[in-house]
Amino acid sequence: MNSKEIITKSDQETKELAGEIAQEMLGRENSEALVIGLEGDLGSGKTTFIQGIAQGLGIKDKITSPTFVIMKKY
């Protein structure tokens, strides 16, 4: 398992980073499942990050906070 910590300074920067990560996900040659876990305090940017991932993947659904559910599928 790989772990990485990246600090962004704004919501926009977080969404842009997430969009770049989404593009990397789409370009993967490996077809195995990919699981991304998010950890952070309330207000730390988890939802903003997921909104950026969704936008980068072309998902048009409204993205809500994943904090209070066990799993959210889009």
N, C-alpha and C. Protein backbone atom coordinates (compact mmCIF):
# COMPACT_ATOMS: atom_id res chain seq x y z
N MET A 1 0.84 -1.17 0.00
CA MET A 1 0.00 0.00 0.00
C MET A 1 0.89 1.24 0.00
N ASN A 2 0.57 2.17 -0.85
CA ASN A 2 1.31 3.43 -0.92
C ASN A 2 0.54 4.52 -0.20
N SER A 3 1.25 5.44 0.39
CA SER A 3 0.65 6.57 1.08
C SER A 3 1.37 7.84 0.65
N LYS A 4 0.59 8.91 0.51
CA LYS A 4 1.19 10.18 0.08
C LYS A 4 0.45 11.32 0.77
N GLU A 5 1.19 12.30 1.23
CA GLU A 5 0.59 13.50 1.82
C GLU A 5 0.93 14.70 0.95
N ILE A 6 -0.11 15.42 0.53
CA ILE A 6 0.06 16.62 -0.28
C ILE A 6 -0.75 17.73 0.38
N ILE A 7 -0.16 18.88 0.55
CA ILE A 7 -0.85 20.01 1.17
C ILE A 7 -1.15 21.05 0.10
N THR A 8 -2.43 21.42 -0.01
CA THR A 8 -2.83 22.47 -0.93
C THR A 8 -3.24 23.70 -0.12
N LYS A 9 -3.27 24.84 -0.79
CA LYS A 9 -3.51 26.10 -0.08
C LYS A 9 -4.87 26.73 -0.36
N SER A 10 -5.67 26.12 -1.24
CA SER A 10 -6.99 26.67 -1.55
C SER A 10 -7.90 25.56 -2.08
N ASP A 11 -9.21 25.83 -2.05
CA ASP A 11 -10.16 24.87 -2.62
C ASP A 11 -9.87 24.63 -4.09
N GLN A 12 -9.58 25.69 -4.82
CA GLN A 12 -9.30 25.57 -6.26
C GLN A 12 -8.07 24.70 -6.50
N GLU A 13 -7.03 24.92 -5.72
CA GLU A 13 -5.80 24.12 -5.87
C GLU A 13 -6.09 22.65 -5.56
N THR A 14 -6.93 22.41 -4.55
CA THR A 14 -7.30 21.04 -4.19
C THR A 14 -8.05 20.37 -5.33
N LYS A 15 -9.02 21.08 -5.91
CA LYS A 15 -9.79 20.52 -7.03
C LYS A 15 -8.91 20.27 -8.25
N GLU A 16 -7.99 21.18 -8.52
CA GLU A 16 -7.09 21.00 -9.67
C GLU A 16 -6.20 19.78 -9.47
N LEU A 17 -5.66 19.62 -8.27
CA LEU A 17 -4.83 18.46 -7.96
C LEU A 17 -5.64 17.18 -8.12
N ALA A 18 -6.85 17.19 -7.58
CA ALA A 18 -7.72 16.01 -7.67
C ALA A 18 -8.04 15.68 -9.13
N GLY A 19 -8.27 16.70 -9.94
CA GLY A 19 -8.53 16.48 -11.36
C GLY A 19 -7.34 15.85 -12.06
N GLU A 20 -6.14 16.28 -11.70
CA GLU A 20 -4.92 15.68 -12.27
C GLU A 20 -4.80 14.21 -11.85
N ILE A 21 -5.13 13.94 -10.60
CA ILE A 21 -5.07 12.55 -10.11
C ILE A 21 -6.11 11.71 -10.85
N ALA A 22 -7.30 12.27 -11.08
CA ALA A 22 -8.34 11.55 -11.82
C ALA A 22 -7.86 11.20 -13.22
N GLN A 23 -7.17 12.11 -13.88
CA GLN A 23 -6.65 11.84 -15.22
C GLN A 23 -5.60 10.73 -15.17
N GLU A 24 -4.78 10.72 -14.13
CA GLU A 24 -3.81 9.63 -13.97
C GLU A 24 -4.53 8.30 -13.77
N MET A 25 -5.64 8.33 -13.01
CA MET A 25 -6.41 7.11 -12.79
C MET A 25 -6.96 6.58 -14.11
N LEU A 26 -7.48 7.48 -14.94
CA LEU A 26 -8.04 7.07 -16.23
C LEU A 26 -6.97 6.51 -17.17
N GLY A 27 -5.74 6.98 -17.02
CA GLY A 27 -4.66 6.55 -17.90
C GLY A 27 -3.91 5.32 -17.43
N ARG A 28 -4.35 4.73 -16.33
CA ARG A 28 -3.66 3.55 -15.80
C ARG A 28 -3.74 2.38 -16.78
N GLU A 29 -2.65 1.68 -16.94
CA GLU A 29 -2.64 0.47 -17.77
C GLU A 29 -3.12 -0.73 -16.97
N ASN A 30 -2.96 -0.68 -15.68
CA ASN A 30 -3.37 -1.76 -14.79
C ASN A 30 -4.89 -1.70 -14.60
N SER A 31 -5.59 -2.79 -14.88
CA SER A 31 -7.05 -2.79 -14.77
C SER A 31 -7.54 -3.28 -13.41
N GLU A 32 -6.64 -3.50 -12.48
CA GLU A 32 -7.06 -3.92 -11.14
C GLU A 32 -7.78 -2.79 -10.44
N ALA A 33 -8.57 -3.15 -9.44
CA ALA A 33 -9.32 -2.15 -8.67
C ALA A 33 -8.38 -1.15 -8.03
N LEU A 34 -8.86 0.06 -7.89
CA LEU A 34 -8.10 1.12 -7.25
C LEU A 34 -8.94 1.68 -6.11
N VAL A 35 -8.41 1.68 -4.91
CA VAL A 35 -9.12 2.19 -3.74
C VAL A 35 -8.36 3.40 -3.20
N ILE A 36 -9.08 4.48 -2.99
CA ILE A 36 -8.48 5.68 -2.41
C ILE A 36 -9.20 5.95 -1.10
N GLY A 37 -8.45 6.02 -0.02
CA GLY A 37 -9.01 6.33 1.28
C GLY A 37 -8.66 7.75 1.67
N LEU A 38 -9.64 8.46 2.21
CA LEU A 38 -9.41 9.84 2.65
C LEU A 38 -9.53 9.90 4.16
N GLU A 39 -8.64 10.64 4.76
CA GLU A 39 -8.65 10.80 6.21
C GLU A 39 -8.39 12.27 6.51
N GLY A 40 -9.17 12.81 7.43
CA GLY A 40 -8.94 14.21 7.80
C GLY A 40 -10.03 14.73 8.70
N ASP A 41 -9.73 15.80 9.39
CA ASP A 41 -10.69 16.45 10.27
C ASP A 41 -11.83 17.05 9.46
N LEU A 42 -12.94 17.37 10.15
CA LEU A 42 -14.03 18.08 9.49
C LEU A 42 -13.49 19.39 8.93
N GLY A 43 -13.86 19.68 7.70
CA GLY A 43 -13.42 20.92 7.07
C GLY A 43 -12.02 20.89 6.49
N SER A 44 -11.43 19.70 6.42
CA SER A 44 -10.05 19.61 5.92
C SER A 44 -9.95 19.55 4.40
N GLY A 45 -11.08 19.38 3.70
CA GLY A 45 -11.06 19.39 2.24
C GLY A 45 -11.35 18.07 1.56
N LYS A 46 -11.83 17.08 2.33
CA LYS A 46 -12.12 15.77 1.73
C LYS A 46 -13.18 15.87 0.64
N THR A 47 -14.28 16.56 0.94
CA THR A 47 -15.35 16.71 -0.05
C THR A 47 -14.88 17.50 -1.26
N THR A 48 -14.13 18.55 -1.03
CA THR A 48 -13.58 19.35 -2.14
C THR A 48 -12.70 18.47 -3.02
N PHE A 49 -11.89 17.62 -2.41
CA PHE A 49 -11.03 16.72 -3.16
C PHE A 49 -11.87 15.76 -4.01
N ILE A 50 -12.89 15.16 -3.40
CA ILE A 50 -13.74 14.22 -4.13
C ILE A 50 -14.49 14.93 -5.26
N GLN A 51 -14.91 16.17 -5.04
CA GLN A 51 -15.55 16.93 -6.11
C GLN A 51 -14.59 17.12 -7.28
N GLY A 52 -13.33 17.36 -7.00
CA GLY A 52 -12.33 17.49 -8.06
C GLY A 52 -12.09 16.18 -8.79
N ILE A 53 -12.04 15.08 -8.04
CA ILE A 53 -11.89 13.75 -8.65
C ILE A 53 -13.08 13.50 -9.59
N ALA A 54 -14.29 13.73 -9.08
CA ALA A 54 -15.49 13.48 -9.88
C ALA A 54 -15.49 14.33 -11.14
N GLN A 55 -15.14 15.59 -11.01
CA GLN A 55 -15.08 16.47 -12.18
C GLN A 55 -14.06 15.95 -13.19
N GLY A 56 -12.91 15.52 -12.70
CA GLY A 56 -11.87 14.98 -13.57
C GLY A 56 -12.27 13.69 -14.26
N LEU A 57 -13.18 12.94 -13.63
CA LEU A 57 -13.67 11.69 -14.22
C LEU A 57 -14.91 11.91 -15.08
N GLY A 58 -15.39 13.16 -15.14
CA GLY A 58 -16.56 13.46 -15.96
C GLY A 58 -17.88 13.15 -15.29
N ILE A 59 -17.89 13.00 -13.98
CA ILE A 59 -19.12 12.71 -13.24
C ILE A 59 -19.87 14.01 -13.03
N LYS A 60 -21.14 14.03 -13.41
CA LYS A 60 -21.95 15.25 -13.33
C LYS A 60 -22.81 15.31 -12.07
N ASP A 61 -22.94 14.21 -11.34
CA ASP A 61 -23.76 14.17 -10.13
C ASP A 61 -23.26 15.17 -9.10
N LYS A 62 -24.18 15.65 -8.25
CA LYS A 62 -23.79 16.52 -7.14
C LYS A 62 -23.06 15.66 -6.12
N ILE A 63 -21.88 16.07 -5.74
CA ILE A 63 -21.06 15.32 -4.80
C ILE A 63 -21.28 15.89 -3.40
N THR A 64 -21.70 15.03 -2.48
CA THR A 64 -21.93 15.45 -1.10
C THR A 64 -20.83 14.90 -0.20
N SER A 65 -20.82 15.36 1.02
CA SER A 65 -19.79 14.96 1.97
C SER A 65 -19.81 13.46 2.21
N PRO A 66 -18.67 12.79 2.05
CA PRO A 66 -18.60 11.35 2.32
C PRO A 66 -18.37 11.05 3.79
N THR A 67 -18.28 12.07 4.64
CA THR A 67 -17.89 11.87 6.03
C THR A 67 -18.87 11.00 6.81
N PHE A 68 -20.16 11.11 6.53
CA PHE A 68 -21.14 10.46 7.38
C PHE A 68 -21.74 9.20 6.76
N VAL A 69 -21.12 8.64 5.75
CA VAL A 69 -21.58 7.39 5.16
C VAL A 69 -20.42 6.41 5.13
N ILE A 70 -20.76 5.14 5.09
CA ILE A 70 -19.71 4.13 5.02
C ILE A 70 -19.14 4.08 3.61
N MET A 71 -20.01 4.12 2.60
CA MET A 71 -19.54 4.10 1.22
C MET A 71 -20.54 4.85 0.36
N LYS A 72 -20.03 5.63 -0.57
CA LYS A 72 -20.86 6.37 -1.51
C LYS A 72 -20.40 6.00 -2.91
N LYS A 73 -21.33 5.51 -3.76
CA LYS A 73 -20.96 5.10 -5.11
C LYS A 73 -21.46 6.14 -6.11
N TYR A 74 -20.61 6.45 -7.10
CA TYR A 74 -20.98 7.36 -8.19
C TYR A 74 -20.71 6.68 -9.51
